[in-house]
Structures are given as structure tokens and as C-alpha cells.
Protein backbone atom coordinates (compact mmCIF):
# COMPACT_ATOMS: atom_id res chain seq x y z
CA MET A 1 29.09 161.07 -69.38
CA ILE A 2 31.40 162.10 -66.54
CA ILE A 3 35.14 161.65 -66.33
CA ALA A 4 36.89 162.29 -63.08
CA GLY A 5 40.90 161.18 -63.57
CA GLU A 6 42.13 161.36 -59.45
CA ALA A 7 40.98 159.99 -56.34
CA SER A 8 39.78 163.77 -55.16
CA GLY A 9 37.86 163.85 -58.41
CA ASP A 10 36.41 160.49 -58.03
CA ILE A 11 34.90 161.69 -54.61
CA HIS A 12 33.50 164.65 -56.19
CA GLY A 13 32.61 163.03 -58.71
CA SER A 14 30.22 160.67 -57.23
CA ARG A 15 28.22 163.53 -54.45
CA LEU A 16 27.81 164.98 -57.86
CA VAL A 17 25.95 162.14 -59.16
CA LYS A 18 23.69 161.49 -56.31
CA ALA A 19 22.45 164.92 -55.92
CA MET A 20 21.61 164.85 -59.99
CA LYS A 21 19.95 161.62 -59.22
CA ASP A 22 17.99 162.92 -56.20
CA LYS A 23 17.11 165.70 -59.10
CA ASN A 24 16.36 164.06 -60.90
CA SER A 25 16.17 159.69 -60.94
CA LYS A 26 15.85 158.87 -64.91
CA LEU A 27 19.64 159.90 -65.58
CA VAL A 28 21.75 157.36 -66.68
CA PHE A 29 25.57 157.72 -66.27
CA PHE A 30 28.92 156.49 -67.97
CA GLY A 31 32.32 157.69 -68.17
CA ILE A 32 36.14 157.40 -66.50
CA GLY A 33 36.73 156.67 -62.81
CA GLY A 34 37.17 154.72 -59.40
CA ASP A 35 34.91 153.15 -57.22
CA MET A 36 33.12 156.25 -55.49
CA LEU A 37 31.28 156.45 -58.72
CA LYS A 38 31.03 152.56 -59.69
CA LYS A 39 29.32 152.84 -56.03
CA ALA A 40 27.56 156.15 -57.39
CA GLY A 41 26.10 153.52 -60.40
CA VAL A 42 28.47 155.02 -63.24
CA LYS A 43 29.03 152.13 -65.76
CA ILE A 44 33.49 152.80 -65.69
CA ILE A 45 33.92 152.22 -69.08
CA GLN A 46 37.93 153.08 -68.47
CA ASP A 47 38.91 152.50 -64.57
CA ALA A 48 41.17 155.89 -63.82
CA SER A 49 43.74 154.24 -61.73
CA ALA A 50 45.34 154.22 -65.14
CA LEU A 51 45.59 157.46 -66.20
CA SER A 52 46.80 158.87 -62.68
CA VAL A 53 50.35 160.80 -63.27
CA VAL A 54 51.79 164.07 -62.10
CA GLY A 55 54.76 165.56 -63.81
CA ILE A 56 55.58 166.85 -67.67
CA THR A 57 58.39 163.56 -68.07
CA GLU A 58 56.24 161.33 -65.29
CA VAL A 59 53.65 161.30 -67.78
CA LEU A 60 56.00 159.25 -70.54
CA SER A 61 55.59 156.00 -67.97
CA LYS A 62 51.96 156.08 -68.88
CA ILE A 63 51.66 157.26 -72.40
CA PHE A 64 50.31 154.23 -73.78
CA SER A 65 47.97 153.94 -71.50
CA LEU A 66 46.37 157.51 -71.71
CA ILE A 67 46.84 157.50 -75.72
CA LYS A 68 44.49 154.07 -75.73
CA SER A 69 42.37 155.22 -72.69
CA LEU A 70 41.57 159.01 -74.66
CA ALA A 71 40.17 156.76 -78.06
CA ASP A 72 37.90 154.46 -75.88
CA ALA A 73 37.13 157.95 -74.10
CA LYS A 74 36.40 159.48 -78.06
CA LYS A 75 34.77 156.33 -79.38
CA ALA A 76 32.40 156.30 -76.38
CA LEU A 77 31.36 159.49 -76.84
CA LYS A 78 30.69 159.77 -80.42
CA THR A 79 28.64 155.79 -79.82
CA LEU A 80 26.68 156.74 -77.47
CA LYS A 81 26.54 160.38 -77.52
CA PRO A 82 25.78 161.26 -74.24
CA ASP A 83 23.24 164.94 -74.00
CA LEU A 84 26.02 166.21 -71.37
CA LEU A 85 29.67 166.10 -70.35
CA ILE A 86 30.99 166.25 -67.42
CA LEU A 87 34.72 166.91 -66.74
CA ILE A 88 36.33 167.09 -63.54
CA ASP A 89 39.89 168.21 -62.90
CA PHE A 90 42.61 166.42 -64.82
CA PRO A 91 43.10 168.67 -67.44
CA ASP A 92 45.92 167.60 -69.86
CA PHE A 93 43.35 164.47 -70.81
CA ASN A 94 39.96 166.53 -70.10
CA LEU A 95 40.54 169.20 -72.18
CA LYS A 96 40.93 166.41 -75.47
CA ILE A 97 37.97 165.19 -74.29
CA ALA A 98 36.61 168.50 -75.20
CA ALA A 99 37.62 168.92 -78.06
CA ALA A 100 36.06 165.74 -79.23
CA ALA A 101 32.95 166.57 -77.37
CA LYS A 102 32.61 170.36 -79.43
CA LYS A 103 33.07 168.75 -82.64
CA LEU A 104 30.03 166.30 -81.64
CA GLY A 105 28.42 169.06 -80.52
CA ILE A 106 28.09 168.05 -76.99
CA PRO A 107 27.70 170.66 -74.52
CA VAL A 108 30.26 170.66 -71.62
CA LEU A 109 30.69 171.05 -68.04
CA TYR A 110 33.48 171.19 -66.79
CA TYR A 111 33.17 171.35 -62.69
CA ILE A 112 36.95 171.95 -61.03
CA SER A 113 38.77 174.10 -63.30
CA PRO A 114 42.39 173.60 -64.43
CA GLN A 115 44.79 175.90 -62.40
CA VAL A 116 45.43 177.89 -65.12
CA TRP A 117 45.41 181.30 -62.64
CA ALA A 118 49.00 178.98 -61.51
CA TRP A 119 50.61 178.05 -64.40
CA ARG A 120 50.15 178.07 -68.25
CA GLN A 121 47.65 180.68 -68.34
CA GLY A 122 47.86 180.29 -72.02
CA ARG A 123 45.28 177.25 -71.41
CA VAL A 124 42.41 180.16 -71.33
CA LYS A 125 41.58 180.36 -74.55
CA LYS A 126 41.26 176.42 -75.14
CA ILE A 127 38.56 176.56 -72.37
CA LYS A 128 36.64 179.13 -73.79
CA ASN A 129 36.55 177.98 -76.84
CA LEU A 130 35.50 174.43 -75.95
CA VAL A 131 34.06 174.26 -72.57
CA ASN A 132 30.10 176.05 -72.29
CA HIS A 133 29.84 176.02 -68.44
CA LEU A 134 32.87 176.28 -65.64
CA ALA A 135 32.28 175.42 -61.52
CA VAL A 136 34.53 177.18 -59.82
CA ILE A 137 35.65 175.78 -56.89
CA LEU A 138 38.20 178.76 -55.18
CA PRO A 139 36.68 182.57 -54.73
CA PHE A 140 39.47 184.18 -56.68
CA GLU A 141 38.64 181.44 -59.62
CA LYS A 142 35.48 183.46 -60.85
CA GLU A 143 36.64 187.36 -60.96
CA PHE A 144 39.54 185.47 -63.02
CA PHE A 145 37.81 183.50 -65.70
CA GLU A 146 35.04 186.30 -66.16
CA LYS A 147 38.18 187.96 -66.80
CA HIS A 148 38.94 185.95 -69.79
CA GLY A 149 35.20 185.63 -70.83
CA VAL A 150 34.42 182.24 -69.80
CA PRO A 151 31.05 181.17 -68.35
CA VAL A 152 31.30 180.90 -65.29
CA THR A 153 29.76 179.74 -60.98
CA TYR A 154 31.28 179.77 -58.23
CA VAL A 155 29.75 176.84 -56.56
CA GLY A 156 31.74 176.59 -53.36
CA HIS A 157 34.36 173.96 -51.87
CA PRO A 158 33.37 169.78 -52.23
CA LEU A 159 34.73 168.83 -49.47
CA LEU A 160 32.52 171.32 -47.33
CA ASP A 161 29.51 168.88 -48.64
CA GLY A 162 31.60 165.94 -46.98
CA GLU A 163 31.89 165.46 -42.73
CA TYR A 164 34.66 167.46 -41.30
CA PHE A 165 35.39 168.30 -37.26
CA THR A 166 37.65 169.82 -35.42
CA SER A 167 40.24 167.18 -34.29
CA GLU A 168 41.32 167.17 -30.29
CA TYR A 169 45.17 166.81 -30.54
CA ASN A 170 44.89 163.53 -28.45
CA LYS A 171 43.84 165.76 -25.11
CA LYS A 172 43.49 162.92 -23.34
CA SER A 173 46.25 160.89 -23.38
CA GLY A 174 48.97 163.61 -23.80
CA VAL A 175 50.31 161.33 -26.85
CA GLN A 176 51.80 163.44 -29.49
CA GLU A 177 51.18 161.96 -32.68
CA VAL A 178 52.86 162.54 -36.49
CA GLY A 179 50.60 161.30 -39.76
CA LEU A 180 52.84 160.19 -42.79
CA LEU A 181 50.47 161.55 -45.87
CA PRO A 182 52.48 160.17 -48.74
CA GLY A 183 50.13 160.57 -51.50
CA SER A 184 47.26 158.92 -53.88
CA ARG A 185 49.18 157.85 -56.45
CA ASP A 186 51.75 154.67 -56.49
CA LYS A 187 54.50 157.27 -58.13
CA GLU A 188 54.34 159.61 -55.31
CA VAL A 189 54.61 156.73 -52.93
CA THR A 190 57.57 155.54 -54.24
CA LYS A 191 59.21 159.16 -54.42
CA HIS A 192 58.10 160.68 -50.92
CA LEU A 193 56.83 158.06 -48.83
CA PRO A 194 61.22 156.98 -48.25
CA VAL A 195 61.89 161.25 -47.50
CA LEU A 196 59.07 161.11 -45.15
CA LEU A 197 60.27 158.28 -43.39
CA GLN A 198 63.08 159.53 -42.59
CA ALA A 199 62.56 162.64 -41.27
CA ALA A 200 60.16 161.26 -38.76
CA SER A 201 62.70 159.08 -37.91
CA LEU A 202 64.76 162.19 -37.19
CA ILE A 203 61.75 163.54 -35.29
CA LYS A 204 61.78 160.60 -33.11
CA LYS A 205 65.41 161.07 -32.35
CA GLU A 206 64.62 164.57 -30.74
CA LYS A 207 61.44 163.58 -29.28
CA GLU A 208 61.10 159.38 -28.10
CA ASP A 209 57.63 159.88 -27.32
CA ILE A 210 56.05 160.91 -30.61
CA GLU A 211 54.03 157.98 -31.96
CA ILE A 212 54.23 157.84 -36.08
CA SER A 213 51.33 156.80 -38.54
CA VAL A 214 51.36 156.07 -42.42
CA SER A 215 48.20 157.33 -44.47
CA LEU A 216 47.39 154.57 -46.55
CA ALA A 217 45.06 156.26 -49.65
CA PRO A 218 42.55 154.03 -51.25
CA THR A 219 44.55 154.33 -54.78
CA VAL A 220 47.33 152.54 -53.23
CA LYS A 221 47.81 148.99 -52.39
CA ARG A 222 48.77 148.33 -48.83
CA GLN A 223 51.92 145.60 -50.14
CA HIS A 224 53.18 149.35 -52.07
CA VAL A 225 53.71 150.56 -48.60
CA GLU A 226 54.89 148.16 -46.94
CA LYS A 227 57.52 147.48 -49.29
CA ILE A 228 59.15 150.96 -49.55
CA MET A 229 58.55 150.42 -45.49
CA ILE A 230 60.18 147.66 -45.03
CA GLU A 231 63.14 148.30 -47.08
CA HIS A 232 63.88 151.36 -45.14
CA GLY A 233 63.56 149.60 -41.84
CA PHE A 234 60.19 150.91 -40.90
CA SER A 235 57.86 148.34 -40.54
CA ASP A 236 57.13 148.94 -36.76
CA TYR A 237 54.81 152.08 -38.14
CA ASN A 238 50.82 151.94 -37.93
CA ILE A 239 49.48 151.83 -41.57
CA ILE A 240 46.05 153.71 -41.71
CA THR A 241 43.57 152.51 -44.01
CA GLU A 242 40.18 153.90 -42.31
CA GLY A 243 40.22 157.20 -44.64
CA MET A 244 41.79 160.39 -43.25
CA GLU A 245 39.52 161.07 -40.54
CA GLN A 246 41.09 158.41 -38.77
CA ILE A 247 44.36 159.82 -39.36
CA PHE A 248 43.16 163.30 -38.27
CA LYS A 249 41.96 161.97 -35.07
CA LYS A 250 44.59 160.33 -34.16
CA CYS A 251 47.65 163.46 -35.41
CA SER A 252 48.84 167.08 -33.75
CA LEU A 253 50.94 167.16 -37.11
CA VAL A 254 50.65 165.65 -40.33
CA ILE A 255 53.08 165.89 -43.18
CA ALA A 256 51.82 165.92 -46.45
CA VAL A 257 52.56 165.76 -50.26
CA SER A 258 50.87 168.75 -51.80
CA GLY A 259 46.89 168.08 -52.88
CA THR A 260 43.77 167.87 -51.68
CA VAL A 261 44.35 166.24 -48.76
CA THR A 262 46.09 169.41 -47.21
CA LEU A 263 42.74 171.06 -47.81
CA GLU A 264 40.81 167.96 -45.79
CA ALA A 265 43.61 168.57 -42.90
CA ALA A 266 42.97 172.07 -42.67
CA LEU A 267 39.22 172.13 -42.37
CA ALA A 268 40.07 169.90 -39.35
CA GLY A 269 42.69 171.75 -38.09
CA ILE A 270 45.17 169.62 -38.07
CA PRO A 271 48.63 171.66 -38.58
CA MET A 272 50.78 170.74 -40.80
CA ILE A 273 54.20 170.28 -43.66
CA ILE A 274 53.56 170.39 -47.43
CA ILE A 275 56.13 168.77 -49.27
CA TYR A 276 56.41 167.70 -52.82
CA LYS A 277 59.24 166.57 -55.63
CA VAL A 278 59.17 165.65 -59.67
CA SER A 279 61.67 164.55 -61.79
CA PRO A 280 64.39 167.79 -61.66
CA VAL A 281 63.35 168.47 -66.17
CA SER A 282 59.85 168.42 -64.76
CA TYR A 283 60.49 171.04 -61.97
CA LEU A 284 62.84 173.21 -63.84
CA LEU A 285 59.39 172.90 -66.60
CA GLY A 286 57.39 173.99 -64.06
CA LYS A 287 59.31 176.83 -62.64
CA ALA A 288 58.91 178.46 -65.96
CA LEU A 289 55.27 178.43 -66.33
CA ILE A 290 53.94 178.52 -62.96
CA ARG A 291 52.56 182.30 -61.34
CA VAL A 292 52.18 182.18 -58.18
CA SER A 293 54.32 181.92 -55.21
CA ASN A 294 52.90 179.17 -53.34
CA ILE A 295 51.72 175.26 -53.89
CA CYS A 296 49.43 174.81 -51.48
CA LEU A 297 46.15 174.86 -51.88
CA VAL A 298 45.64 176.04 -48.16
CA ASN A 299 48.39 179.33 -48.27
CA LEU A 300 46.77 179.51 -52.20
CA ILE A 301 43.26 179.98 -50.21
CA ALA A 302 44.23 181.98 -47.18
CA GLY A 303 46.51 184.43 -49.24
CA ARG A 304 49.82 183.96 -47.58
CA GLN A 305 51.86 181.17 -45.91
CA ILE A 306 50.27 179.90 -43.16
CA VAL A 307 52.13 176.29 -43.52
CA PRO A 308 55.56 175.79 -44.05
CA GLU A 309 56.04 174.16 -48.03
CA CYS A 310 59.31 171.84 -48.49
CA ILE A 311 58.96 171.85 -52.15
CA GLN A 312 62.15 169.95 -54.60
CA GLU A 313 65.09 170.50 -53.04
CA ARG A 314 64.47 171.59 -49.78
CA ALA A 315 62.01 168.86 -48.80
CA THR A 316 65.03 166.88 -47.15
CA PRO A 317 64.83 164.53 -44.26
CA GLU A 318 67.04 167.27 -42.29
CA ASN A 319 64.09 169.96 -43.65
CA ILE A 320 61.18 168.61 -42.93
CA ALA A 321 62.07 167.12 -39.59
CA GLY A 322 63.19 170.46 -38.12
CA GLN A 323 59.79 172.44 -39.55
CA ALA A 324 58.07 169.66 -37.68
CA LEU A 325 60.62 170.15 -33.95
CA LYS A 326 60.39 173.99 -34.32
CA MET A 327 56.09 173.32 -33.79
CA PHE A 328 56.63 170.76 -31.34
CA ASN A 329 58.65 172.73 -28.91
CA ASN A 330 56.55 175.80 -29.51
CA PRO A 331 53.11 175.33 -28.80
CA GLU A 332 51.62 178.92 -28.88
CA LYS A 333 52.80 178.45 -32.81
CA LEU A 334 50.95 175.21 -33.28
CA LYS A 335 47.86 176.46 -31.38
CA THR A 336 47.82 179.55 -33.88
CA MET A 337 47.63 177.29 -36.98
CA ARG A 338 44.76 175.33 -35.87
CA ASN A 339 43.21 178.97 -34.97
CA GLU A 340 44.41 180.34 -39.06
CA LEU A 341 43.59 176.82 -40.78
CA ILE A 342 40.40 176.64 -39.42
CA GLY A 343 39.50 180.04 -40.74
CA ILE A 344 39.82 178.61 -44.20
CA ARG A 345 36.11 177.39 -43.67
CA ASP A 346 35.00 180.66 -43.25
CA ILE A 347 36.64 181.49 -46.68
CA LEU A 348 35.62 179.33 -48.25
CA GLY A 349 31.91 179.55 -46.81
CA GLY A 350 29.36 176.71 -46.38
CA SER A 351 28.39 173.07 -48.01
CA GLY A 352 26.28 172.71 -50.93
CA ALA A 353 28.83 172.71 -53.69
CA SER A 354 27.14 169.60 -55.39
CA GLU A 355 24.08 170.56 -55.35
CA ARG A 356 24.75 173.65 -57.25
CA VAL A 357 26.66 172.08 -59.55
CA ALA A 358 23.80 169.23 -59.93
CA ASP A 359 22.03 172.49 -60.95
CA ILE A 360 24.07 173.83 -63.70
CA ALA A 361 23.73 170.36 -65.20
CA LEU A 362 20.32 169.90 -64.92
CA SER A 363 19.66 173.21 -66.52
CA MET A 364 22.50 172.32 -69.20
CA LEU A 365 20.70 168.82 -70.16
CA GLN A 366 17.04 171.36 -71.16
CA ILE A 367 19.48 173.19 -73.38
CA SER A 368 20.82 170.35 -74.73
CA LYS A 369 17.39 168.74 -75.47
């Protein structure tokens, strides 16, 4: 059984399933996920789109869906009794399923750990008690979990298993293009896209030749994005649906909602500005629990701030546009940022994360028999 509650987890999970099937074609998978896991041959018992949500108060809007999905997942564990449960990120949901699996004697492999090193460190004890093995994707995570006695392996980052490239930044045409990346959830898009559009408008006032493109995540409906753009008077901007690589090929700068996409942009060497907003209550509660100075993956991995972060009250159109114009007016700064971002590849190491996790999973299946 495999559970991936978000778009990035769906992609990483599908690569893991493929790697496991390549090593043992008799394996059968079922679980919670999206289109990528389904294409990989997983029997989907619940679509992940019904579950994906960020923010403490935002969870309330999907509470009934979450409760039902939890009940369905626990029932599937009890009825089908899988030989192994693989959990990918999505901790608030997945740790509850891990507890149910432990009661049933089903071993648990957790791939892409909860970010307990950043906030809510009390969950480390829960992970130690409920998870048989943890596969982590960031270099500093292994030492953290080892200190707490959690069985852990650093497998590298799964993004390096996919295709990435160094963008040409439209050098041939001389066009400067800004990509707006409003998130992979409807509520993220609703909250962030208007701010991004207003920031883009301010940028264009100063630099009329700059073009704007909006990225559409596969988990977000085009009509939802179009409606917001029309409501705010920006129906003339391009909507890019062919995947992140198309945005990266076109753009010399992206303004992105914090998440895995920021690491994808870093691997492509795309300068960026990070934004994020949640409800005021979620922000205050989160701020009290967070133990790191940056929230962007790129800055966390680098151990310093490479890209600017505009979080909560700093995520205003004026501030975002100001950061972007500083970059455009300082080509040397843009060049330095590109080089520093490409350096993230060296920190993360090479490809092979999916293969390494597949080997761990297969060894756990042997033990469980």
C-alpha cells in the first residue's frame, strides 16, 4: 500500500513504484494518490486531490473528507493486509495511518520525512515508535534523525531522477519573461495568484517589454486560474500547461509559491522570488513552532539565503515587484544567483533516489515474509 497526498509525492511515488516493479514484476500496489501513481499501475482507492491542504485553520475546510479518507485507508489496511505500507510526506494524515499499520503488524517505510527538524519536533518520538525505516532526501536530515534513534537512510533527492536542464534565459530573443507559479492546490492559487498578478502589473509598469506567463499545475483546473485572472483584469497573460520545463525554458525569473517547485527551479538555474501566505491564525501558530530561519527548500539546503523570501505580511505586490526589479536592474546579481542555484545540484548529489528507496522497500518485504 502506498499513500501520496500531494502532487510532488504522486510523482516521486510513481518513480518508486516503477523502480520496484522493475526489480520484481509480481508486486501489486494499491493506495491513495493521483494520476501519476495510477499510470504507474497503482489501484487508487482515494484520489489525493480530495485531501491536499496547507495551514492549520485551512484543514477545517476539508475535515470531513480527511476523516472519511482516514477511515477508508484504515479499513483497506485491515481488509487487504499489505506486506508493506509506504508513506510519502503528508505527515498529519500519514502518521495516523502508520499508527493503524503498527497495530496490525504491517511494516512502514516512510519516504520523504516530515520536516520535524523545522517545526513540531515532538513528532520525532512518534516517528520512532511508528516507522520501521525512514528514507530522507535532504543531506542534513540523516544526522538529525540518527540523533533521535530513528532507523534512517539518506537516499538523495528524487528530483534528480527526472530530467532537468540549465535554462537559456531567452538569450537568443533578448526577451525578459517572468513566470508566476501560484501553487499546486486550488486554495493556494486562490490566495496567491491575485498577489502575483498585481506584482506582475507593477513590474510591467517599470519594464514594459517584460512578458508574463502563469504556470498551471496538473492538480489545478484551468477554469479556476482563468476565473481569477479575468476577475483581476489579466486575461492577456499566457497560461502554461505543458509542465514546469516549459516555464523554465521561457523565463529569466520566476515568482513562486514555496514548495518543491522551488527546488525544480534551482536545478534549472532559474532565479526566483519565494512567496507564501496562510491565514493569520495559521501563521501565528506556525511561527511559534518553526525552528528554522528560512522556509524555502533552496535556502534550507544551501544553509543561507540565496533567494529572497516574501512571507505573510511581506508578500505584498509592491515588495515582490521591488525585489524583481532589483534583479532585473542588476544583471550581475541575477548571474550570481543562477550560479549559486546550480550549485544546489552538487549539495544534493546525483540521481538514484528511487532505486535506493526501492532496494530498502524490497528488503523490508523480505523481512516481513
